[in-house]
Amino acid sequence: MTVPLDPLSQTITLAIALGAAETVGKAAAAAAGKAVVSEIIKDAYGKLKSLISERFPKVPVDLLEDEPESEPIQLVVQQRLSAQSATSDQEILALSKIIVDETKKNQPAPESKAAIILRDFEARNVIVRGNRTSSGILLIEKAKVVEDILVENNESGHRQIEEKKTSK
């Protein structure tokens, strides 16, 4: 028998995957001197994992924690959450929402990753040619281009060259 998937089980599963990725993945990054895990996410994830393990022991949270990006494991978790009516547990839903919302807040805006940003303009044609960037990302927003957008002969993966300032 197949259990239909519902948005709430998907949200809880996403929260588990995000929480695992944030706490487990960023713990190694923090040890290397990089970003520190958000305490809010860390606390909410610990409580969520504990509650699901206590109330719904057949949900394989540990498997998803080991492989948070595994779609087959996510599907199993979603099915078990739905089958065991975990989606009606308000405490689990509240913790899941905290994790998802906080993770979204901590994501860099697309423009912070963009090497080239073109915004709020109108043009007949746009040509982006011969650029060397570190990120390789082109962001075009709120643009009205009548004919063509041509992007060619651009290279990514280069370290940004800092300008040297000279004093006079």
N, C-alpha and C. Protein backbone atom coordinates (compact mmCIF):
# COMPACT_ATOMS: atom_id res chain seq x y z
N MET A 1 0.84 -1.18 0.00
CA MET A 1 0.00 0.00 0.00
C MET A 1 0.89 1.25 0.00
N THR A 2 0.62 2.16 -0.89
CA THR A 2 1.38 3.40 -0.99
C THR A 2 0.68 4.49 -0.19
N VAL A 3 1.43 5.15 0.66
CA VAL A 3 0.89 6.25 1.45
C VAL A 3 1.06 7.53 0.64
N PRO A 4 -0.03 8.27 0.41
CA PRO A 4 0.12 9.52 -0.34
C PRO A 4 0.98 10.52 0.45
N LEU A 5 1.83 11.20 -0.29
CA LEU A 5 2.69 12.19 0.36
C LEU A 5 1.96 13.51 0.49
N ASP A 6 2.17 14.15 1.60
CA ASP A 6 1.52 15.43 1.82
C ASP A 6 2.57 16.51 2.06
N PRO A 7 2.20 17.76 1.88
CA PRO A 7 3.16 18.85 2.04
C PRO A 7 3.78 18.92 3.44
N LEU A 8 3.04 18.53 4.46
CA LEU A 8 3.59 18.61 5.81
C LEU A 8 4.70 17.58 6.03
N SER A 9 4.53 16.37 5.51
CA SER A 9 5.61 15.38 5.65
C SER A 9 6.83 15.81 4.84
N GLN A 10 6.58 16.48 3.71
CA GLN A 10 7.70 17.00 2.92
C GLN A 10 8.43 18.11 3.67
N THR A 11 7.69 18.96 4.36
CA THR A 11 8.30 20.04 5.15
C THR A 11 9.13 19.49 6.30
N ILE A 12 8.59 18.49 6.99
CA ILE A 12 9.32 17.89 8.11
C ILE A 12 10.59 17.22 7.59
N THR A 13 10.47 16.50 6.48
CA THR A 13 11.64 15.82 5.90
C THR A 13 12.67 16.85 5.47
N LEU A 14 12.23 17.93 4.86
CA LEU A 14 13.15 19.00 4.46
C LEU A 14 13.86 19.56 5.69
N ALA A 15 13.11 19.77 6.76
CA ALA A 15 13.70 20.30 7.99
C ALA A 15 14.76 19.35 8.55
N ILE A 16 14.47 18.05 8.51
CA ILE A 16 15.46 17.07 9.01
C ILE A 16 16.72 17.14 8.14
N ALA A 17 16.52 17.14 6.82
CA ALA A 17 17.67 17.18 5.90
C ALA A 17 18.47 18.47 6.07
N LEU A 18 17.78 19.60 6.16
CA LEU A 18 18.46 20.88 6.34
C LEU A 18 19.17 20.94 7.68
N GLY A 19 18.49 20.48 8.72
CA GLY A 19 19.09 20.48 10.05
C GLY A 19 20.33 19.62 10.10
N ALA A 20 20.26 18.45 9.47
CA ALA A 20 21.43 17.56 9.44
C ALA A 20 22.56 18.20 8.65
N ALA A 21 22.22 18.77 7.51
CA ALA A 21 23.25 19.40 6.68
C ALA A 21 23.87 20.59 7.41
N GLU A 22 23.06 21.37 8.10
CA GLU A 22 23.56 22.54 8.82
C GLU A 22 24.42 22.14 10.01
N THR A 23 23.95 21.18 10.81
CA THR A 23 24.68 20.84 12.02
C THR A 23 25.87 19.92 11.76
N VAL A 24 25.65 18.88 10.99
CA VAL A 24 26.74 17.94 10.72
C VAL A 24 27.73 18.53 9.73
N GLY A 25 27.23 19.07 8.61
CA GLY A 25 28.10 19.62 7.58
C GLY A 25 28.85 20.84 8.04
N LYS A 26 28.20 21.73 8.77
CA LYS A 26 28.86 22.97 9.18
C LYS A 26 29.74 22.79 10.41
N ALA A 27 29.55 21.68 11.13
CA ALA A 27 30.43 21.44 12.27
C ALA A 27 31.86 21.27 11.77
N ALA A 28 32.02 20.57 10.65
CA ALA A 28 33.35 20.41 10.06
C ALA A 28 33.86 21.75 9.54
N ALA A 29 32.97 22.55 8.94
CA ALA A 29 33.36 23.87 8.43
C ALA A 29 33.77 24.79 9.58
N ALA A 30 33.04 24.72 10.69
CA ALA A 30 33.37 25.56 11.85
C ALA A 30 34.73 25.16 12.42
N ALA A 31 35.00 23.87 12.42
CA ALA A 31 36.29 23.40 12.92
C ALA A 31 37.42 23.91 12.04
N ALA A 32 37.13 24.13 10.77
CA ALA A 32 38.13 24.63 9.84
C ALA A 32 38.19 26.16 9.87
N GLY A 33 37.44 26.79 10.79
CA GLY A 33 37.48 28.25 10.92
C GLY A 33 36.48 28.97 10.04
N LYS A 34 35.48 28.27 9.52
CA LYS A 34 34.49 28.90 8.65
C LYS A 34 33.22 29.22 9.45
N ALA A 35 32.12 29.39 8.75
CA ALA A 35 30.86 29.81 9.36
C ALA A 35 30.45 28.92 10.53
N VAL A 36 29.93 29.55 11.57
CA VAL A 36 29.44 28.83 12.74
C VAL A 36 27.96 28.53 12.53
N VAL A 37 27.58 27.33 12.94
CA VAL A 37 26.19 26.90 12.78
C VAL A 37 25.28 27.80 13.61
N SER A 38 24.17 28.18 13.03
CA SER A 38 23.18 28.97 13.74
C SER A 38 22.69 28.18 14.96
N GLU A 39 22.78 28.80 16.12
CA GLU A 39 22.34 28.13 17.36
C GLU A 39 20.85 27.80 17.29
N ILE A 40 20.08 28.65 16.63
CA ILE A 40 18.64 28.41 16.52
C ILE A 40 18.40 27.12 15.75
N ILE A 41 19.09 26.94 14.62
CA ILE A 41 18.92 25.73 13.81
C ILE A 41 19.42 24.52 14.58
N LYS A 42 20.56 24.68 15.21
CA LYS A 42 21.17 23.57 15.96
C LYS A 42 20.23 23.09 17.06
N ASP A 43 19.68 24.02 17.84
CA ASP A 43 18.77 23.67 18.93
C ASP A 43 17.47 23.04 18.40
N ALA A 44 16.88 23.68 17.39
CA ALA A 44 15.63 23.16 16.84
C ALA A 44 15.83 21.78 16.23
N TYR A 45 16.93 21.58 15.54
CA TYR A 45 17.20 20.27 14.93
C TYR A 45 17.38 19.20 16.00
N GLY A 46 18.12 19.51 17.06
CA GLY A 46 18.30 18.54 18.15
C GLY A 46 16.96 18.13 18.76
N LYS A 47 16.09 19.11 19.01
CA LYS A 47 14.77 18.82 19.58
C LYS A 47 13.91 18.03 18.59
N LEU A 48 13.94 18.43 17.30
CA LEU A 48 13.14 17.74 16.28
C LEU A 48 13.56 16.28 16.16
N LYS A 49 14.84 16.07 16.07
CA LYS A 49 15.37 14.71 15.94
C LYS A 49 14.97 13.86 17.16
N SER A 50 15.08 14.44 18.34
CA SER A 50 14.74 13.73 19.57
C SER A 50 13.25 13.39 19.62
N LEU A 51 12.40 14.37 19.29
CA LEU A 51 10.95 14.14 19.31
C LEU A 51 10.52 13.06 18.33
N ILE A 52 11.05 13.13 17.11
CA ILE A 52 10.66 12.14 16.10
C ILE A 52 11.13 10.76 16.54
N SER A 53 12.35 10.67 17.06
CA SER A 53 12.87 9.37 17.51
C SER A 53 12.03 8.80 18.65
N GLU A 54 11.57 9.65 19.56
CA GLU A 54 10.75 9.20 20.69
C GLU A 54 9.34 8.84 20.27
N ARG A 55 8.71 9.72 19.51
CA ARG A 55 7.29 9.55 19.18
C ARG A 55 7.04 8.67 17.96
N PHE A 56 7.98 8.65 17.04
CA PHE A 56 7.81 7.91 15.80
C PHE A 56 9.09 7.12 15.48
N PRO A 57 9.38 6.08 16.27
CA PRO A 57 10.67 5.39 16.14
C PRO A 57 10.89 4.69 14.79
N LYS A 58 9.85 4.49 14.02
CA LYS A 58 10.02 3.83 12.71
C LYS A 58 10.48 4.80 11.62
N VAL A 59 10.56 6.09 11.93
CA VAL A 59 11.05 7.08 10.97
C VAL A 59 12.58 7.09 11.04
N PRO A 60 13.26 6.74 9.94
CA PRO A 60 14.73 6.61 9.95
C PRO A 60 15.47 7.95 9.88
N VAL A 61 15.38 8.72 10.96
CA VAL A 61 16.03 10.03 11.01
C VAL A 61 17.55 9.89 10.84
N ASP A 62 18.12 8.87 11.47
CA ASP A 62 19.58 8.68 11.40
C ASP A 62 20.06 8.45 9.97
N LEU A 63 19.25 7.70 9.19
CA LEU A 63 19.64 7.48 7.79
C LEU A 63 19.68 8.79 7.02
N LEU A 64 18.67 9.62 7.24
CA LEU A 64 18.62 10.92 6.55
C LEU A 64 19.72 11.84 7.05
N GLU A 65 20.08 11.72 8.32
CA GLU A 65 21.16 12.54 8.85
C GLU A 65 22.49 12.15 8.19
N ASP A 66 22.66 10.86 7.92
CA ASP A 66 23.89 10.40 7.26
C ASP A 66 23.97 10.85 5.81
N GLU A 67 22.81 10.91 5.14
CA GLU A 67 22.77 11.29 3.73
C GLU A 67 21.62 12.26 3.49
N PRO A 68 21.74 13.52 3.94
CA PRO A 68 20.62 14.46 3.86
C PRO A 68 20.17 14.81 2.44
N GLU A 69 21.00 14.58 1.45
CA GLU A 69 20.62 14.91 0.08
C GLU A 69 20.08 13.71 -0.69
N SER A 70 19.99 12.54 -0.06
CA SER A 70 19.53 11.33 -0.71
C SER A 70 18.01 11.37 -0.91
N GLU A 71 17.58 11.47 -2.16
CA GLU A 71 16.15 11.52 -2.45
C GLU A 71 15.42 10.23 -2.07
N PRO A 72 16.01 9.05 -2.30
CA PRO A 72 15.31 7.83 -1.87
C PRO A 72 15.09 7.77 -0.35
N ILE A 73 16.07 8.20 0.42
CA ILE A 73 15.91 8.21 1.88
C ILE A 73 14.88 9.27 2.27
N GLN A 74 14.90 10.42 1.62
CA GLN A 74 13.90 11.45 1.91
C GLN A 74 12.49 10.92 1.66
N LEU A 75 12.33 10.16 0.58
CA LEU A 75 11.02 9.59 0.24
C LEU A 75 10.56 8.61 1.32
N VAL A 76 11.46 7.75 1.80
CA VAL A 76 11.12 6.80 2.85
C VAL A 76 10.70 7.56 4.11
N VAL A 77 11.45 8.59 4.47
CA VAL A 77 11.13 9.38 5.66
C VAL A 77 9.76 10.03 5.50
N GLN A 78 9.50 10.62 4.33
CA GLN A 78 8.19 11.25 4.08
C GLN A 78 7.06 10.24 4.21
N GLN A 79 7.25 9.06 3.65
CA GLN A 79 6.21 8.03 3.72
C GLN A 79 5.96 7.58 5.15
N ARG A 80 7.02 7.40 5.91
CA ARG A 80 6.87 6.96 7.30
C ARG A 80 6.23 8.07 8.15
N LEU A 81 6.60 9.31 7.90
CA LEU A 81 5.97 10.42 8.63
C LEU A 81 4.47 10.46 8.36
N SER A 82 4.09 10.31 7.10
CA SER A 82 2.66 10.32 6.73
C SER A 82 1.93 9.13 7.31
N ALA A 83 2.53 7.95 7.19
CA ALA A 83 1.88 6.72 7.66
C ALA A 83 1.65 6.74 9.16
N GLN A 84 2.53 7.38 9.91
CA GLN A 84 2.43 7.41 11.37
C GLN A 84 1.76 8.69 11.89
N SER A 85 1.20 9.47 10.99
CA SER A 85 0.49 10.70 11.34
C SER A 85 1.36 11.70 12.12
N ALA A 86 2.64 11.71 11.82
CA ALA A 86 3.55 12.67 12.47
C ALA A 86 3.22 14.10 12.06
N THR A 87 2.54 14.24 10.93
CA THR A 87 2.22 15.58 10.43
C THR A 87 1.15 16.28 11.26
N SER A 88 0.53 15.56 12.18
CA SER A 88 -0.45 16.23 13.05
C SER A 88 0.16 16.64 14.39
N ASP A 89 1.44 16.38 14.57
CA ASP A 89 2.15 16.75 15.80
C ASP A 89 2.59 18.21 15.67
N GLN A 90 1.92 19.09 16.41
CA GLN A 90 2.17 20.53 16.29
C GLN A 90 3.58 20.94 16.72
N GLU A 91 4.14 20.25 17.68
CA GLU A 91 5.49 20.57 18.14
C GLU A 91 6.52 20.24 17.05
N ILE A 92 6.34 19.13 16.39
CA ILE A 92 7.24 18.74 15.29
C ILE A 92 7.09 19.72 14.13
N LEU A 93 5.86 20.10 13.83
CA LEU A 93 5.64 21.06 12.74
C LEU A 93 6.27 22.42 13.07
N ALA A 94 6.15 22.86 14.30
CA ALA A 94 6.72 24.16 14.69
C ALA A 94 8.24 24.15 14.59
N LEU A 95 8.87 23.07 15.07
CA LEU A 95 10.33 22.97 14.98
C LEU A 95 10.79 22.90 13.52
N SER A 96 10.03 22.17 12.70
CA SER A 96 10.37 22.07 11.27
C SER A 96 10.32 23.43 10.61
N LYS A 97 9.29 24.21 10.94
CA LYS A 97 9.15 25.54 10.36
C LYS A 97 10.32 26.44 10.78
N ILE A 98 10.74 26.34 12.03
CA ILE A 98 11.87 27.14 12.50
C ILE A 98 13.12 26.82 11.69
N ILE A 99 13.39 25.53 11.50
CA ILE A 99 14.59 25.11 10.77
C ILE A 99 14.56 25.60 9.33
N VAL A 100 13.43 25.39 8.65
CA VAL A 100 13.31 25.81 7.25
C VAL A 100 13.43 27.33 7.14
N ASP A 101 12.73 28.07 7.99
CA ASP A 101 12.77 29.54 7.93
C ASP A 101 14.16 30.08 8.23
N GLU A 102 14.81 29.56 9.27
CA GLU A 102 16.15 30.03 9.63
C GLU A 102 17.18 29.70 8.55
N THR A 103 17.03 28.54 7.93
CA THR A 103 17.96 28.16 6.86
C THR A 103 17.81 29.11 5.68
N LYS A 104 16.56 29.46 5.35
CA LYS A 104 16.33 30.42 4.26
C LYS A 104 16.97 31.77 4.58
N LYS A 105 16.85 32.21 5.84
CA LYS A 105 17.43 33.49 6.24
C LYS A 105 18.95 33.50 6.07
N ASN A 106 19.57 32.36 6.32
CA ASN A 106 21.03 32.27 6.29
C ASN A 106 21.60 32.02 4.91
N GLN A 107 20.73 31.81 3.92
CA GLN A 107 21.22 31.59 2.56
C GLN A 107 21.62 32.92 1.95
N PRO A 108 22.79 32.96 1.29
CA PRO A 108 23.17 34.22 0.65
C PRO A 108 22.23 34.53 -0.51
N ALA A 109 21.97 35.80 -0.70
CA ALA A 109 21.14 36.21 -1.83
C ALA A 109 21.86 35.85 -3.12
N PRO A 110 21.11 35.53 -4.19
CA PRO A 110 21.76 35.17 -5.45
C PRO A 110 22.77 36.21 -5.91
N GLU A 111 22.48 37.48 -5.66
CA GLU A 111 23.38 38.52 -6.13
C GLU A 111 24.71 38.53 -5.38
N SER A 112 24.74 37.97 -4.17
CA SER A 112 26.01 37.96 -3.45
C SER A 112 26.98 36.96 -4.06
N LYS A 113 26.46 36.04 -4.86
CA LYS A 113 27.31 35.06 -5.53
C LYS A 113 27.62 35.49 -6.97
N ALA A 114 26.90 36.46 -7.47
CA ALA A 114 27.01 36.83 -8.87
C ALA A 114 28.27 37.64 -9.14
N ALA A 115 28.91 37.30 -10.26
CA ALA A 115 30.09 38.05 -10.69
C ALA A 115 29.66 39.26 -11.52
N ILE A 116 28.56 39.10 -12.24
CA ILE A 116 28.05 40.17 -13.10
C ILE A 116 26.57 40.33 -12.80
N ILE A 117 26.16 41.55 -12.46
CA ILE A 117 24.76 41.83 -12.15
C ILE A 117 24.26 42.91 -13.10
N LEU A 118 23.19 42.60 -13.81
CA LEU A 118 22.53 43.57 -14.70
C LEU A 118 21.09 43.68 -14.20
N ARG A 119 20.68 44.89 -13.81
CA ARG A 119 19.40 45.04 -13.15
C ARG A 119 18.69 46.30 -13.62
N ASP A 120 17.36 46.20 -13.71
CA ASP A 120 16.49 47.34 -13.99
C ASP A 120 16.92 48.13 -15.23
N PHE A 121 16.81 47.51 -16.38
CA PHE A 121 17.19 48.23 -17.60
C PHE A 121 16.36 47.74 -18.77
N GLU A 122 16.38 48.54 -19.83
CA GLU A 122 15.77 48.18 -21.10
C GLU A 122 16.85 48.30 -22.17
N ALA A 123 16.87 47.36 -23.10
CA ALA A 123 17.86 47.41 -24.17
C ALA A 123 17.37 46.60 -25.36
N ARG A 124 17.92 46.92 -26.51
CA ARG A 124 17.61 46.14 -27.71
C ARG A 124 18.33 44.80 -27.63
N ASN A 125 19.63 44.83 -27.31
CA ASN A 125 20.45 43.63 -27.20
C ASN A 125 21.32 43.73 -25.96
N VAL A 126 21.71 42.58 -25.43
CA VAL A 126 22.67 42.52 -24.32
C VAL A 126 23.75 41.52 -24.72
N ILE A 127 24.99 41.96 -24.61
CA ILE A 127 26.12 41.07 -24.91
C ILE A 127 27.05 41.04 -23.70
N VAL A 128 27.30 39.84 -23.19
CA VAL A 128 28.24 39.64 -22.10
C VAL A 128 29.33 38.73 -22.67
N ARG A 129 30.50 39.31 -22.90
CA ARG A 129 31.54 38.58 -23.62
C ARG A 129 32.91 38.82 -22.99
N GLY A 130 33.71 37.76 -22.91
CA GLY A 130 35.11 37.89 -22.53
C GLY A 130 35.37 38.24 -21.09
N ASN A 131 34.57 37.76 -20.17
CA ASN A 131 34.78 38.06 -18.76
C ASN A 131 35.44 36.88 -18.06
N ARG A 132 36.32 37.20 -17.12
CA ARG A 132 36.95 36.18 -16.29
C ARG A 132 36.50 36.43 -14.87
N THR A 133 35.80 35.47 -14.28
CA THR A 133 35.25 35.65 -12.95
C THR A 133 35.58 34.47 -12.04
N SER A 134 35.40 34.69 -10.74
CA SER A 134 35.62 33.60 -9.80
C SER A 134 34.38 32.73 -9.67
N SER A 135 33.19 33.31 -9.74
CA SER A 135 31.98 32.53 -9.51
C SER A 135 31.32 32.05 -10.80
N GLY A 136 31.47 32.79 -11.86
CA GLY A 136 30.85 32.37 -13.12
C GLY A 136 29.36 32.60 -13.17
N ILE A 137 28.80 33.37 -12.23
CA ILE A 137 27.37 33.56 -12.19
C ILE A 137 27.00 34.92 -12.78
N LEU A 138 26.02 34.90 -13.67
CA LEU A 138 25.47 36.11 -14.29
C LEU A 138 24.04 36.25 -13.79
N LEU A 139 23.70 37.40 -13.25
CA LEU A 139 22.36 37.65 -12.76
C LEU A 139 21.76 38.80 -13.55
N ILE A 140 20.61 38.53 -14.19
CA ILE A 140 19.88 39.57 -14.91
C ILE A 140 18.50 39.63 -14.29
N GLU A 141 18.13 40.82 -13.77
CA GLU A 141 16.84 41.00 -13.10
C GLU A 141 16.13 42.22 -13.67
N LYS A 142 14.82 42.11 -13.75
CA LYS A 142 13.96 43.22 -14.15
C LYS A 142 14.49 43.89 -15.41
N ALA A 143 14.71 43.07 -16.41
CA ALA A 143 15.25 43.59 -17.67
C ALA A 143 14.24 43.39 -18.79
N LYS A 144 14.18 44.36 -19.66
CA LYS A 144 13.35 44.24 -20.85
C LYS A 144 14.31 44.30 -22.04
N VAL A 145 14.52 43.14 -22.66
CA VAL A 145 15.42 43.04 -23.80
C VAL A 145 14.58 42.72 -25.02
N VAL A 146 14.62 43.59 -26.02
CA VAL A 146 13.75 43.47 -27.18
C VAL A 146 14.20 42.36 -28.13
N GLU A 147 15.50 42.23 -28.35
CA GLU A 147 15.97 41.24 -29.31
C GLU A 147 16.73 40.09 -28.67
N ASP A 148 18.05 40.22 -28.51
CA ASP A 148 18.87 39.08 -28.10
C ASP A 148 19.65 39.34 -26.82
N ILE A 149 19.92 38.23 -26.12
CA ILE A 149 20.89 38.23 -25.03
C ILE A 149 21.96 37.22 -25.45
N LEU A 150 23.20 37.70 -25.57
CA LEU A 150 24.29 36.85 -26.01
C LEU A 150 25.33 36.79 -24.89
N VAL A 151 25.64 35.56 -24.45
CA VAL A 151 26.65 35.36 -23.41
C VAL A 151 27.65 34.37 -24.01
N GLU A 152 28.90 34.86 -24.23
CA GLU A 152 29.88 33.98 -24.85
C GLU A 152 31.31 34.30 -24.41
N ASN A 153 32.17 33.31 -24.54
CA ASN A 153 33.60 33.44 -24.25
C ASN A 153 33.88 34.00 -22.85
N ASN A 154 33.10 33.54 -21.88
CA ASN A 154 33.33 33.93 -20.50
C ASN A 154 33.98 32.76 -19.78
N GLU A 155 34.83 33.06 -18.82
CA GLU A 155 35.53 32.02 -18.08
C GLU A 155 35.24 32.18 -16.60
N SER A 156 35.05 31.06 -15.91
CA SER A 156 34.86 31.12 -14.46
C SER A 156 35.92 30.29 -13.77
N GLY A 157 36.00 30.47 -12.47
CA GLY A 157 36.96 29.72 -11.69
C GLY A 157 38.25 30.47 -11.44
N HIS A 158 38.31 31.72 -11.82
CA HIS A 158 39.51 32.53 -11.59
C HIS A 158 39.38 33.24 -10.25
N ARG A 159 40.48 33.36 -9.55
CA ARG A 159 40.47 34.13 -8.31
C ARG A 159 40.36 35.60 -8.67
N GLN A 160 39.63 36.30 -7.84
CA GLN A 160 39.50 37.74 -8.09
C GLN A 160 40.84 38.42 -7.84
N ILE A 161 41.16 39.34 -8.69
CA ILE A 161 42.41 40.08 -8.58
C ILE A 161 42.11 41.36 -7.81
N GLU A 162 42.80 41.53 -6.70
CA GLU A 162 42.59 42.73 -5.90
C GLU A 162 43.34 43.90 -6.53
N GLU A 163 42.67 45.03 -6.55
CA GLU A 163 43.33 46.22 -7.08
C GLU A 163 44.32 46.74 -6.05
N LYS A 164 45.51 47.08 -6.50
CA LYS A 164 46.49 47.67 -5.60
C LYS A 164 46.33 49.19 -5.64
N LYS A 165 46.20 49.74 -4.46
CA LYS A 165 46.04 51.20 -4.37
C LYS A 165 47.41 51.81 -4.14
N THR A 166 47.65 52.85 -4.87
CA THR A 166 48.90 53.57 -4.69
C THR A 166 48.59 54.94 -4.15
N SER A 167 49.39 55.39 -3.23
CA SER A 167 49.18 56.72 -2.68
C SER A 167 50.06 57.72 -3.37
N LYS A 168 49.57 58.91 -3.53
CA LYS A 168 50.32 59.97 -4.23
C LYS A 168 50.81 60.97 -3.26
